[in-house]
Each structure stands twice: as structure tokens, then as C-alpha cells.
Amino acid sequence: MPGEGALIACEAVWTETATAFRSSEKFRRAMADLGVTFDSLSEAAAVNAAEAWRRYRGRGGRRTRIVSDFLIGAHALSAADRLLTRDRGFYRRYFTGLKVLDPSA
């Protein structure tokens, strides 16, 4: 949305999204057309992701969640003011304070 700020994606989102394209050129062009820029995780965000992963597993969380889910949440919490995802409950539970937007709502 115009005026809403920058759209950023960390390594995990960048990589997962790129797999949907037939070529890296098409992927890069699509991201540029959408105005999405690459933004690396900070060390603090990576450690936060690890801590959230430990909490998740400590609460009996199964391995159905992968580490990239935690990297995405930690990156959004540290580098953005919100996260666009359909998976609201998980991110709100493990990344307190993160504003989560559901694109289908």
C-alpha cells in the first residue's frame, strides 16, 4: 500500500519465495515490481529466533514448525513494524508485540 512503508524480506522469505519462480531473473524482477527489498537478519534477531524455537519445543511443539518460521518472526519483530501472514496464532504467541496482518482478512 502506498504510504505504508517499505516491504522487506529476510533470507528465509527470500529463499522460499524464489523457489516459486522458474528463474532467478523472474524472481528478482517480481520482487522489484512489488517493491520488496532484501533485509538480512541481525545477530540479535537470530538469537531471538533460537530462543523462540526453544520455547516452542519446550512447550511440546512438534517438528512441524521449521526454523525458518522462527527466523521470519524474529526478523519481523526486530526490523519491521508488522508481518503479513495467514498464520496469525503462531507468530502472536511466540513473538509478543509483533503486529500480524492477515491478507485474507
PDB file of N, CA and C in Angstrom:
ATOM      1  N   MET A   1       0.843  -1.180   0.000  1.00  0.00           N
ATOM      2  CA  MET A   1       0.000   0.000   0.000  1.00  0.00           C
ATOM      3  C   MET A   1       0.886   1.240   0.000  1.00  0.00           C
ATOM      4  N   PRO A   2       0.605   2.180  -0.844  1.00  0.00           N
ATOM      5  CA  PRO A   2       1.386   3.416  -0.849  1.00  0.00           C
ATOM      6  C   PRO A   2       1.305   4.120   0.500  1.00  0.00           C
ATOM      7  N   GLY A   3       2.431   4.649   0.922  1.00  0.00           N
ATOM      8  CA  GLY A   3       2.473   5.384   2.175  1.00  0.00           C
ATOM      9  C   GLY A   3       2.554   4.518   3.417  1.00  0.00           C
ATOM     10  N   GLU A   4       2.597   3.210   3.268  1.00  0.00           N
ATOM     11  CA  GLU A   4       2.618   2.297   4.401  1.00  0.00           C
ATOM     12  C   GLU A   4       4.021   1.922   4.835  1.00  0.00           C
ATOM     13  N   GLY A   5       5.035   2.310   4.092  1.00  0.00           N
ATOM     14  CA  GLY A   5       6.401   1.966   4.460  1.00  0.00           C
ATOM     15  C   GLY A   5       6.996   0.949   3.507  1.00  0.00           C
ATOM     16  N   ALA A   6       8.220   0.565   3.814  1.00  0.00           N
ATOM     17  CA  ALA A   6       8.960  -0.361   2.961  1.00  0.00           C
ATOM     18  C   ALA A   6       8.506  -1.806   3.165  1.00  0.00           C
ATOM     19  N   LEU A   7       8.631  -2.580   2.121  1.00  0.00           N
ATOM     20  CA  LEU A   7       8.393  -4.022   2.194  1.00  0.00           C
ATOM     21  C   LEU A   7       9.751  -4.693   2.203  1.00  0.00           C
ATOM     22  N   ILE A   8      10.000  -5.496   3.234  1.00  0.00           N
ATOM     23  CA  ILE A   8      11.295  -6.165   3.350  1.00  0.00           C
ATOM     24  C   ILE A   8      11.081  -7.667   3.532  1.00  0.00           C
ATOM     25  N   ALA A   9      12.113  -8.417   3.172  1.00  0.00           N
ATOM     26  CA  ALA A   9      12.074  -9.864   3.344  1.00  0.00           C
ATOM     27  C   ALA A   9      13.454 -10.346   3.760  1.00  0.00           C
ATOM     28  N   CYS A  10      13.484 -11.209   4.765  1.00  0.00           N
ATOM     29  CA  CYS A  10      14.755 -11.780   5.232  1.00  0.00           C
ATOM     30  C   CYS A  10      15.156 -12.962   4.359  1.00  0.00           C
ATOM     31  N   GLU A  11      16.276 -13.562   4.694  1.00  0.00           N
ATOM     32  CA  GLU A  11      16.825 -14.684   3.927  1.00  0.00           C
ATOM     33  C   GLU A  11      15.819 -15.820   3.746  1.00  0.00           C
ATOM     34  N   ALA A  12      15.117 -16.162   4.803  1.00  0.00           N
ATOM     35  CA  ALA A  12      14.176 -17.284   4.737  1.00  0.00           C
ATOM     36  C   ALA A  12      13.038 -17.000   3.766  1.00  0.00           C
ATOM     37  N   VAL A  13      12.453 -15.818   3.856  1.00  0.00           N
ATOM     38  CA  VAL A  13      11.357 -15.447   2.959  1.00  0.00           C
ATOM     39  C   VAL A  13      11.871 -15.335   1.527  1.00  0.00           C
ATOM     40  N   TRP A  14      13.025 -14.725   1.368  1.00  0.00           N
ATOM     41  CA  TRP A  14      13.610 -14.533   0.041  1.00  0.00           C
ATOM     42  C   TRP A  14      13.814 -15.890  -0.639  1.00  0.00           C
ATOM     43  N   THR A  15      14.392 -16.826   0.091  1.00  0.00           N
ATOM     44  CA  THR A  15      14.690 -18.142  -0.464  1.00  0.00           C
ATOM     45  C   THR A  15      13.421 -18.932  -0.759  1.00  0.00           C
ATOM     46  N   GLU A  16      12.501 -18.956   0.198  1.00  0.00           N
ATOM     47  CA  GLU A  16      11.264 -19.700  -0.003  1.00  0.00           C
ATOM     48  C   GLU A  16      10.463 -19.141  -1.176  1.00  0.00           C
ATOM     49  N   THR A  17      10.423 -17.831  -1.318  1.00  0.00           N
ATOM     50  CA  THR A  17       9.681 -17.210  -2.407  1.00  0.00           C
ATOM     51  C   THR A  17      10.343 -17.490  -3.752  1.00  0.00           C
ATOM     52  N   ALA A  18      11.651 -17.454  -3.788  1.00  0.00           N
ATOM     53  CA  ALA A  18      12.380 -17.682  -5.043  1.00  0.00           C
ATOM     54  C   ALA A  18      12.107 -19.065  -5.622  1.00  0.00           C
ATOM     55  N   THR A  19      11.797 -20.029  -4.778  1.00  0.00           N
ATOM     56  CA  THR A  19      11.550 -21.388  -5.287  1.00  0.00           C
ATOM     57  C   THR A  19      10.294 -21.467  -6.155  1.00  0.00           C
ATOM     58  N   ALA A  20       9.421 -20.490  -6.059  1.00  0.00           N
ATOM     59  CA  ALA A  20       8.185 -20.494  -6.842  1.00  0.00           C
ATOM     60  C   ALA A  20       8.382 -19.987  -8.271  1.00  0.00           C
ATOM     61  N   PHE A  21       9.570 -19.505  -8.585  1.00  0.00           N
ATOM     62  CA  PHE A  21       9.841 -18.933  -9.904  1.00  0.00           C
ATOM     63  C   PHE A  21      10.739 -19.854 -10.713  1.00  0.00           C
ATOM     64  N   ARG A  22      10.585 -19.825 -12.020  1.00  0.00           N
ATOM     65  CA  ARG A  22      11.380 -20.668 -12.909  1.00  0.00           C
ATOM     66  C   ARG A  22      12.827 -20.198 -13.045  1.00  0.00           C
ATOM     67  N   SER A  23      13.067 -18.928 -12.769  1.00  0.00           N
ATOM     68  CA  SER A  23      14.436 -18.417 -12.877  1.00  0.00           C
ATOM     69  C   SER A  23      14.655 -17.326 -11.833  1.00  0.00           C
ATOM     70  N   SER A  24      15.920 -17.139 -11.494  1.00  0.00           N
ATOM     71  CA  SER A  24      16.244 -16.096 -10.523  1.00  0.00           C
ATOM     72  C   SER A  24      15.954 -14.716 -11.102  1.00  0.00           C
ATOM     73  N   GLU A  25      16.092 -14.564 -12.407  1.00  0.00           N
ATOM     74  CA  GLU A  25      15.785 -13.271 -13.050  1.00  0.00           C
ATOM     75  C   GLU A  25      14.302 -12.932 -12.893  1.00  0.00           C
ATOM     76  N   LYS A  26      13.428 -13.906 -13.134  1.00  0.00           N
ATOM     77  CA  LYS A  26      11.987 -13.658 -12.973  1.00  0.00           C
ATOM     78  C   LYS A  26      11.647 -13.344 -11.518  1.00  0.00           C
ATOM     79  N   PHE A  27      12.280 -14.062 -10.619  1.00  0.00           N
ATOM     80  CA  PHE A  27      12.069 -13.794  -9.200  1.00  0.00           C
ATOM     81  C   PHE A  27      12.503 -12.376  -8.832  1.00  0.00           C
ATOM     82  N   ARG A  28      13.697 -12.006  -9.217  1.00  0.00           N
ATOM     83  CA  ARG A  28      14.203 -10.663  -8.886  1.00  0.00           C
ATOM     84  C   ARG A  28      13.322  -9.567  -9.479  1.00  0.00           C
ATOM     85  N   ARG A  29      12.878  -9.783 -10.695  1.00  0.00           N
ATOM     86  CA  ARG A  29      12.009  -8.792 -11.342  1.00  0.00           C
ATOM     87  C   ARG A  29      10.683  -8.671 -10.593  1.00  0.00           C
ATOM     88  N   ALA A  30      10.107  -9.795 -10.181  1.00  0.00           N
ATOM     89  CA  ALA A  30       8.846  -9.767  -9.441  1.00  0.00           C
ATOM     90  C   ALA A  30       8.999  -9.044  -8.112  1.00  0.00           C
ATOM     91  N   MET A  31      10.074  -9.337  -7.404  1.00  0.00           N
ATOM     92  CA  MET A  31      10.294  -8.670  -6.116  1.00  0.00           C
ATOM     93  C   MET A  31      10.490  -7.169  -6.324  1.00  0.00           C
ATOM     94  N   ALA A  32      11.218  -6.795  -7.352  1.00  0.00           N
ATOM     95  CA  ALA A  32      11.416  -5.371  -7.649  1.00  0.00           C
ATOM     96  C   ALA A  32      10.087  -4.719  -8.021  1.00  0.00           C
ATOM     97  N   ASP A  33       9.295  -5.388  -8.828  1.00  0.00           N
ATOM     98  CA  ASP A  33       7.989  -4.838  -9.227  1.00  0.00           C
ATOM     99  C   ASP A  33       7.070  -4.643  -8.023  1.00  0.00           C
ATOM    100  N   LEU A  34       7.189  -5.543  -7.054  1.00  0.00           N
ATOM    101  CA  LEU A  34       6.385  -5.432  -5.833  1.00  0.00           C
ATOM    102  C   LEU A  34       6.976  -4.445  -4.829  1.00  0.00           C
ATOM    103  N   GLY A  35       8.217  -4.047  -5.048  1.00  0.00           N
ATOM    104  CA  GLY A  35       8.878  -3.129  -4.129  1.00  0.00           C
ATOM    105  C   GLY A  35       9.423  -3.804  -2.887  1.00  0.00           C
ATOM    106  N   VAL A  36       9.674  -5.108  -2.954  1.00  0.00           N
ATOM    107  CA  VAL A  36      10.207  -5.844  -1.819  1.00  0.00           C
ATOM    108  C   VAL A  36      11.728  -5.832  -1.908  1.00  0.00           C
ATOM    109  N   THR A  37      12.372  -5.482  -0.800  1.00  0.00           N
ATOM    110  CA  THR A  37      13.827  -5.479  -0.768  1.00  0.00           C
ATOM    111  C   THR A  37      14.335  -6.503   0.244  1.00  0.00           C
ATOM    112  N   PHE A  38      15.541  -6.970  -0.008  1.00  0.00           N
ATOM    113  CA  PHE A  38      16.194  -7.956   0.854  1.00  0.00           C
ATOM    114  C   PHE A  38      16.734  -7.250   2.088  1.00  0.00           C
ATOM    115  N   ASP A  39      16.496  -7.843   3.257  1.00  0.00           N
ATOM    116  CA  ASP A  39      16.981  -7.275   4.512  1.00  0.00           C
ATOM    117  C   ASP A  39      17.459  -8.425   5.397  1.00  0.00           C
ATOM    118  N   SER A  40      18.752  -8.470   5.639  1.00  0.00           N
ATOM    119  CA  SER A  40      19.338  -9.575   6.414  1.00  0.00           C
ATOM    120  C   SER A  40      18.925  -9.545   7.874  1.00  0.00           C
ATOM    121  N   LEU A  41      18.892 -10.730   8.449  1.00  0.00           N
ATOM    122  CA  LEU A  41      18.672 -10.873   9.887  1.00  0.00           C
ATOM    123  C   LEU A  41      19.856 -10.306  10.654  1.00  0.00           C
ATOM    124  N   SER A  42      19.580  -9.688  11.745  1.00  0.00           N
ATOM    125  CA  SER A  42      20.651  -9.260  12.645  1.00  0.00           C
ATOM    126  C   SER A  42      21.013 -10.437  13.548  1.00  0.00           C
ATOM    127  N   GLU A  43      22.149 -10.330  14.196  1.00  0.00           N
ATOM    128  CA  GLU A  43      22.542 -11.370  15.148  1.00  0.00           C
ATOM    129  C   GLU A  43      21.512 -11.479  16.271  1.00  0.00           C
ATOM    130  N   ALA A  44      21.031 -10.340  16.754  1.00  0.00           N
ATOM    131  CA  ALA A  44      20.039 -10.342  17.832  1.00  0.00           C
ATOM    132  C   ALA A  44      18.755 -11.039  17.394  1.00  0.00           C
ATOM    133  N   ALA A  45      18.329 -10.825  16.166  1.00  0.00           N
ATOM    134  CA  ALA A  45      17.116 -11.485  15.668  1.00  0.00           C
ATOM    135  C   ALA A  45      17.326 -12.990  15.563  1.00  0.00           C
ATOM    136  N   ALA A  46      18.505 -13.415  15.127  1.00  0.00           N
ATOM    137  CA  ALA A  46      18.800 -14.844  15.021  1.00  0.00           C
ATOM    138  C   ALA A  46      18.755 -15.506  16.396  1.00  0.00           C
ATOM    139  N   VAL A  47      19.302 -14.832  17.406  1.00  0.00           N
ATOM    140  CA  VAL A  47      19.274 -15.366  18.770  1.00  0.00           C
ATOM    141  C   VAL A  47      17.836 -15.388  19.291  1.00  0.00           C
ATOM    142  N   ASN A  48      17.063 -14.358  18.995  1.00  0.00           N
ATOM    143  CA  ASN A  48      15.653 -14.324  19.389  1.00  0.00           C
ATOM    144  C   ASN A  48      14.898 -15.491  18.751  1.00  0.00           C
ATOM    145  N   ALA A  49      15.190 -15.786  17.490  1.00  0.00           N
ATOM    146  CA  ALA A  49      14.553 -16.922  16.817  1.00  0.00           C
ATOM    147  C   ALA A  49      14.892 -18.225  17.528  1.00  0.00           C
ATOM    148  N   ALA A  50      16.138 -18.387  17.923  1.00  0.00           N
ATOM    149  CA  ALA A  50      16.559 -19.599  18.635  1.00  0.00           C
ATOM    150  C   ALA A  50      15.844 -19.723  19.973  1.00  0.00           C
ATOM    151  N   GLU A  51      15.705 -18.609  20.686  1.00  0.00           N
ATOM    152  CA  GLU A  51      15.004 -18.631  21.972  1.00  0.00           C
ATOM    153  C   GLU A  51      13.538 -19.002  21.794  1.00  0.00           C
ATOM    154  N   ALA A  52      12.903 -18.467  20.743  1.00  0.00           N
ATOM    155  CA  ALA A  52      11.504 -18.801  20.469  1.00  0.00           C
ATOM    156  C   ALA A  52      11.366 -20.272  20.105  1.00  0.00           C
ATOM    157  N   TRP A  53      12.311 -20.783  19.336  1.00  0.00           N
ATOM    158  CA  TRP A  53      12.322 -22.207  18.979  1.00  0.00           C
ATOM    159  C   TRP A  53      12.396 -23.069  20.240  1.00  0.00           C
ATOM    160  N   ARG A  54      13.286 -22.712  21.169  1.00  0.00           N
ATOM    161  CA  ARG A  54      13.405 -23.465  22.422  1.00  0.00           C
ATOM    162  C   ARG A  54      12.107 -23.420  23.224  1.00  0.00           C
ATOM    163  N   ARG A  55      11.463 -22.260  23.280  1.00  0.00           N
ATOM    164  CA  ARG A  55      10.177 -22.154  23.993  1.00  0.00           C
ATOM    165  C   ARG A  55       9.139 -23.064  23.332  1.00  0.00           C
ATOM    166  N   TYR A  56       9.095 -23.019  22.030  1.00  0.00           N
ATOM    167  CA  TYR A  56       8.151 -23.832  21.266  1.00  0.00           C
ATOM    168  C   TYR A  56       8.353 -25.321  21.554  1.00  0.00           C
ATOM    169  N   ARG A  57       9.579 -25.785  21.459  1.00  0.00           N
ATOM    170  CA  ARG A  57       9.876 -27.201  21.700  1.00  0.00           C
ATOM    171  C   ARG A  57       9.659 -27.554  23.171  1.00  0.00           C
ATOM    172  N   GLY A  58      10.000 -26.618  24.072  1.00  0.00           N
ATOM    173  CA  GLY A  58       9.813 -26.845  25.499  1.00  0.00           C
ATOM    174  C   GLY A  58       8.355 -26.975  25.889  1.00  0.00           C
ATOM    175  N   ARG A  59       7.486 -26.364  25.127  1.00  0.00           N
ATOM    176  CA  ARG A  59       6.042 -26.438  25.376  1.00  0.00           C
ATOM    177  C   ARG A  59       5.421 -27.648  24.677  1.00  0.00           C
ATOM    178  N   GLY A  60       6.268 -28.493  24.122  1.00  0.00           N
ATOM    179  CA  GLY A  60       5.767 -29.693  23.455  1.00  0.00           C
ATOM    180  C   GLY A  60       5.531 -29.517  21.974  1.00  0.00           C
ATOM    181  N   GLY A  61       5.995 -28.398  21.416  1.00  0.00           N
ATOM    182  CA  GLY A  61       5.823 -28.155  19.988  1.00  0.00           C
ATOM    183  C   GLY A  61       6.488 -29.235  19.155  1.00  0.00           C
ATOM    184  N   ARG A  62       5.779 -29.696  18.156  1.00  0.00           N
ATOM    185  CA  ARG A  62       6.300 -30.762  17.296  1.00  0.00           C
ATOM    186  C   ARG A  62       7.185 -30.162  16.208  1.00  0.00           C
ATOM    187  N   ARG A  63       7.879 -30.987  15.551  1.00  0.00           N
ATOM    188  CA  ARG A  63       8.782 -30.524  14.493  1.00  0.00           C
ATOM    189  C   ARG A  63       8.048 -30.179  13.201  1.00  0.00           C
ATOM    190  N   THR A  64       6.759 -29.923  13.296  1.00  0.00           N
ATOM    191  CA  THR A  64       6.016 -29.476  12.120  1.00  0.00           C
ATOM    192  C   THR A  64       6.383 -28.036  11.785  1.00  0.00           C
ATOM    193  N   ARG A  65       6.858 -27.305  12.769  1.00  0.00           N
ATOM    194  CA  ARG A  65       7.379 -25.951  12.556  1.00  0.00           C
ATOM    195  C   ARG A  65       8.851 -26.071  12.221  1.00  0.00           C
ATOM    196  N   ILE A  66       9.283 -25.281  11.271  1.00  0.00           N
ATOM    197  CA  ILE A  66      10.691 -25.312  10.903  1.00  0.00           C
ATOM    198  C   ILE A  66      11.369 -24.028  11.368  1.00  0.00           C
ATOM    199  N   VAL A  67      12.673 -24.069  11.453  1.00  0.00           N
ATOM    200  CA  VAL A  67      13.436 -22.933  11.983  1.00  0.00           C
ATOM    201  C   VAL A  67      13.151 -21.656  11.199  1.00  0.00           C
ATOM    202  N   SER A  68      12.926 -21.766   9.894  1.00  0.00           N
ATOM    203  CA  SER A  68      12.683 -20.546   9.121  1.00  0.00           C
ATOM    204  C   SER A  68      11.445 -19.798   9.612  1.00  0.00           C
ATOM    205  N   ASP A  69      10.444 -20.501  10.141  1.00  0.00           N
ATOM    206  CA  ASP A  69       9.278 -19.814  10.710  1.00  0.00           C
ATOM    207  C   ASP A  69       9.705 -18.885  11.848  1.00  0.00           C
ATOM    208  N   PHE A  70      10.643 -19.336  12.641  1.00  0.00           N
ATOM    209  CA  PHE A  70      11.122 -18.555  13.774  1.00  0.00           C
ATOM    210  C   PHE A  70      12.025 -17.407  13.303  1.00  0.00           C
ATOM    211  N   LEU A  71      12.814 -17.654  12.270  1.00  0.00           N
ATOM    212  CA  LEU A  71      13.651 -16.587  11.707  1.00  0.00           C
ATOM    213  C   LEU A  71      12.777 -15.472  11.142  1.00  0.00           C
ATOM    214  N   ILE A  72      11.715 -15.830  10.465  1.00  0.00           N
ATOM    215  CA  ILE A  72      10.795 -14.845   9.882  1.00  0.00           C
ATOM    216  C   ILE A  72      10.152 -13.997  10.976  1.00  0.00           C
ATOM    217  N   GLY A  73       9.659 -14.633  12.015  1.00  0.00           N
ATOM    218  CA  GLY A  73       9.032 -13.892  13.110  1.00  0.00           C
ATOM    219  C   GLY A  73      10.003 -12.974  13.818  1.00  0.00           C
ATOM    220  N   ALA A  74      11.199 -13.463  14.097  1.00  0.00           N
ATOM    221  CA  ALA A  74      12.202 -12.651  14.794  1.00  0.00           C
ATOM    222  C   ALA A  74      12.655 -11.479  13.926  1.00  0.00           C
ATOM    223  N   HIS A  75      12.792 -11.711  12.635  1.00  0.00           N
ATOM    224  CA  HIS A  75      13.173 -10.625  11.729  1.00  0.00           C
ATOM    225  C   HIS A  75      12.094  -9.552  11.700  1.00  0.00           C
ATOM    226  N   ALA A  76      10.849  -9.967  11.566  1.00  0.00           N
ATOM    227  CA  ALA A  76       9.751  -9.004  11.533  1.00  0.00           C
ATOM    228  C   ALA A  76       9.678  -8.200  12.825  1.00  0.00           C
ATOM    229  N   LEU A  77       9.864  -8.866  13.948  1.00  0.00           N
ATOM    230  CA  LEU A  77       9.802  -8.179  15.239  1.00  0.00           C
ATOM    231  C   LEU A  77      10.916  -7.149  15.375  1.00  0.00           C
ATOM    232  N   SER A  78      12.098  -7.469  14.867  1.00  0.00           N
ATOM    233  CA  SER A  78      13.233  -6.562  15.051  1.00  0.00           C
ATOM    234  C   SER A  78      13.392  -5.524  13.948  1.00  0.00           C
ATOM    235  N   ALA A  79      12.935  -5.828  12.730  1.00  0.00           N
ATOM    236  CA  ALA A  79      13.239  -4.945  11.600  1.00  0.00           C
ATOM    237  C   ALA A  79      12.015  -4.314  10.950  1.00  0.00           C
ATOM    238  N   ALA A  80      10.829  -4.728  11.343  1.00  0.00           N
ATOM    239  CA  ALA A  80       9.609  -4.220  10.700  1.00  0.00           C
ATOM    240  C   ALA A  80       8.588  -3.844  11.763  1.00  0.00           C
ATOM    241  N   ASP A  81       7.544  -3.183  11.338  1.00  0.00           N
ATOM    242  CA  ASP A  81       6.512  -2.851  12.313  1.00  0.00           C
ATOM    243  C   ASP A  81       5.304  -3.786  12.224  1.00  0.00           C
ATOM    244  N   ARG A  82       5.376  -4.759  11.283  1.00  0.00           N
ATOM    245  CA  ARG A  82       4.307  -5.753  11.174  1.00  0.00           C
ATOM    246  C   ARG A  82       4.716  -6.878  10.236  1.00  0.00           C
ATOM    247  N   LEU A  83       3.958  -7.962  10.292  1.00  0.00           N
ATOM    248  CA  LEU A  83       4.220  -9.138   9.470  1.00  0.00           C
ATOM    249  C   LEU A  83       2.947  -9.509   8.735  1.00  0.00           C
ATOM    250  N   LEU A  84       3.062  -9.717   7.444  1.00  0.00           N
ATOM    251  CA  LEU A  84       1.935 -10.149   6.627  1.00  0.00           C
ATOM    252  C   LEU A  84       1.975 -11.670   6.531  1.00  0.00           C
ATOM    253  N   THR A  85       0.975 -12.329   7.113  1.00  0.00           N
ATOM    254  CA  THR A  85       0.927 -13.796   7.129  1.00  0.00           C
ATOM    255  C   THR A  85      -0.495 -14.268   7.404  1.00  0.00           C
ATOM    256  N   ARG A  86      -0.799 -15.455   6.929  1.00  0.00           N
ATOM    257  CA  ARG A  86      -2.093 -16.064   7.257  1.00  0.00           C
ATOM    258  C   ARG A  86      -2.024 -16.833   8.578  1.00  0.00           C
ATOM    259  N   ASP A  87      -0.842 -17.022   9.096  1.00  0.00           N
ATOM    260  CA  ASP A  87      -0.614 -17.826  10.301  1.00  0.00           C
ATOM    261  C   ASP A  87      -0.511 -16.916  11.523  1.00  0.00           C
ATOM    262  N   ARG A  88      -1.624 -16.352  11.936  1.00  0.00           N
ATOM    263  CA  ARG A  88      -1.628 -15.351  12.997  1.00  0.00           C
ATOM    264  C   ARG A  88      -1.299 -15.905  14.379  1.00  0.00           C
ATOM    265  N   GLY A  89      -1.879 -17.021  14.765  1.00  0.00           N
ATOM    266  CA  GLY A  89      -1.737 -17.530  16.124  1.00  0.00           C
ATOM    267  C   GLY A  89      -0.308 -17.854  16.506  1.00  0.00           C
ATOM    268  N   PHE A  90       0.393 -18.532  15.641  1.00  0.00           N
ATOM    269  CA  PHE A  90       1.770 -18.915  15.924  1.00  0.00           C
ATOM    270  C   PHE A  90       2.650 -17.693  16.155  1.00  0.00           C
ATOM    271  N   TYR A  91       2.630 -16.754  15.250  1.00  0.00           N
ATOM    272  CA  TYR A  91       3.514 -15.590  15.369  1.00  0.00           C
ATOM    273  C   TYR A  91       3.140 -14.719  16.561  1.00  0.00           C
ATOM    274  N   ARG A  92       1.873 -14.581  16.834  1.00  0.00           N
ATOM    275  CA  ARG A  92       1.473 -13.780  18.002  1.00  0.00           C
ATOM    276  C   ARG A  92       1.899 -14.452  19.303  1.00  0.00           C
ATOM    277  N   ARG A  93       1.870 -15.751  19.337  1.00  0.00           N
ATOM    278  CA  ARG A  93       2.227 -16.466  20.567  1.00  0.00           C
ATOM    279  C   ARG A  93       3.727 -16.418  20.847  1.00  0.00           C
ATOM    280  N   TYR A  94       4.531 -16.581  19.821  1.00  0.00           N
ATOM    281  CA  TYR A  94       5.975 -16.681  20.033  1.00  0.00           C
ATOM    282  C   TYR A  94       6.735 -15.381  19.809  1.00  0.00           C
ATOM    283  N   PHE A  95       6.070 -14.359  19.284  1.00  0.00           N
ATOM    284  CA  PHE A  95       6.719 -13.065  19.060  1.00  0.00           C
ATOM    285  C   PHE A  95       5.801 -11.963  19.578  1.00  0.00           C
ATOM    286  N   THR A  96       5.695 -11.928  20.888  1.00  0.00           N
ATOM    287  CA  THR A  96       4.826 -10.977  21.570  1.00  0.00           C
ATOM    288  C   THR A  96       5.170  -9.553  21.147  1.00  0.00           C
ATOM    289  N   GLY A  97       4.154  -8.811  20.824  1.00  0.00           N
ATOM    290  CA  GLY A  97       4.349  -7.429  20.408  1.00  0.00           C
ATOM    291  C   GLY A  97       4.404  -7.259  18.907  1.00  0.00           C
ATOM    292  N   LEU A  98       4.502  -8.350  18.171  1.00  0.00           N
ATOM    293  CA  LEU A  98       4.536  -8.274  16.711  1.00  0.00           C
ATOM    294  C   LEU A  98       3.126  -8.071  16.185  1.00  0.00           C
ATOM    295  N   LYS A  99       2.935  -7.046  15.391  1.00  0.00           N
ATOM    296  CA  LYS A  99       1.634  -6.815  14.761  1.00  0.00           C
ATOM    297  C   LYS A  99       1.557  -7.727  13.546  1.00  0.00           C
ATOM    298  N   VAL A 100       0.502  -8.522  13.490  1.00  0.00           N
ATOM    299  CA  VAL A 100       0.331  -9.501  12.422  1.00  0.00           C
ATOM    300  C   VAL A 100      -0.880  -9.121  11.578  1.00  0.00           C
ATOM    301  N   LEU A 101      -0.680  -9.061  10.270  1.00  0.00           N
ATOM    302  CA  LEU A 101      -1.762  -8.748   9.335  1.00  0.00           C
ATOM    303  C   LEU A 101      -2.059  -9.972   8.484  1.00  0.00           C
ATOM    304  N   ASP A 102      -3.329 -10.322   8.380  1.00  0.00           N
ATOM    305  CA  ASP A 102      -3.763 -11.450   7.551  1.00  0.00           C
ATOM    306  C   ASP A 102      -4.253 -10.892   6.223  1.00  0.00           C
ATOM    307  N   PRO A 103      -3.615 -11.283   5.100  1.00  0.00           N
ATOM    308  CA  PRO A 103      -4.015 -10.731   3.800  1.00  0.00           C
ATOM    309  C   PRO A 103      -5.411 -11.182   3.370  1.00  0.00           C
ATOM    310  N   SER A 104      -5.922 -12.256   3.956  1.00  0.00           N
ATOM    311  CA  SER A 104      -7.256 -12.724   3.571  1.00  0.00           C
ATOM    312  C   SER A 104      -8.360 -12.021   4.349  1.00  0.00           C
ATOM    313  N   ALA A 105      -7.979 -11.250   5.385  1.00  0.00           N
ATOM    314  CA  ALA A 105      -9.000 -10.568   6.211  1.00  0.00           C
ATOM    315  C   ALA A 105      -9.439  -9.267   5.563  1.00  0.00           C
TER     316      ALA A 105
END
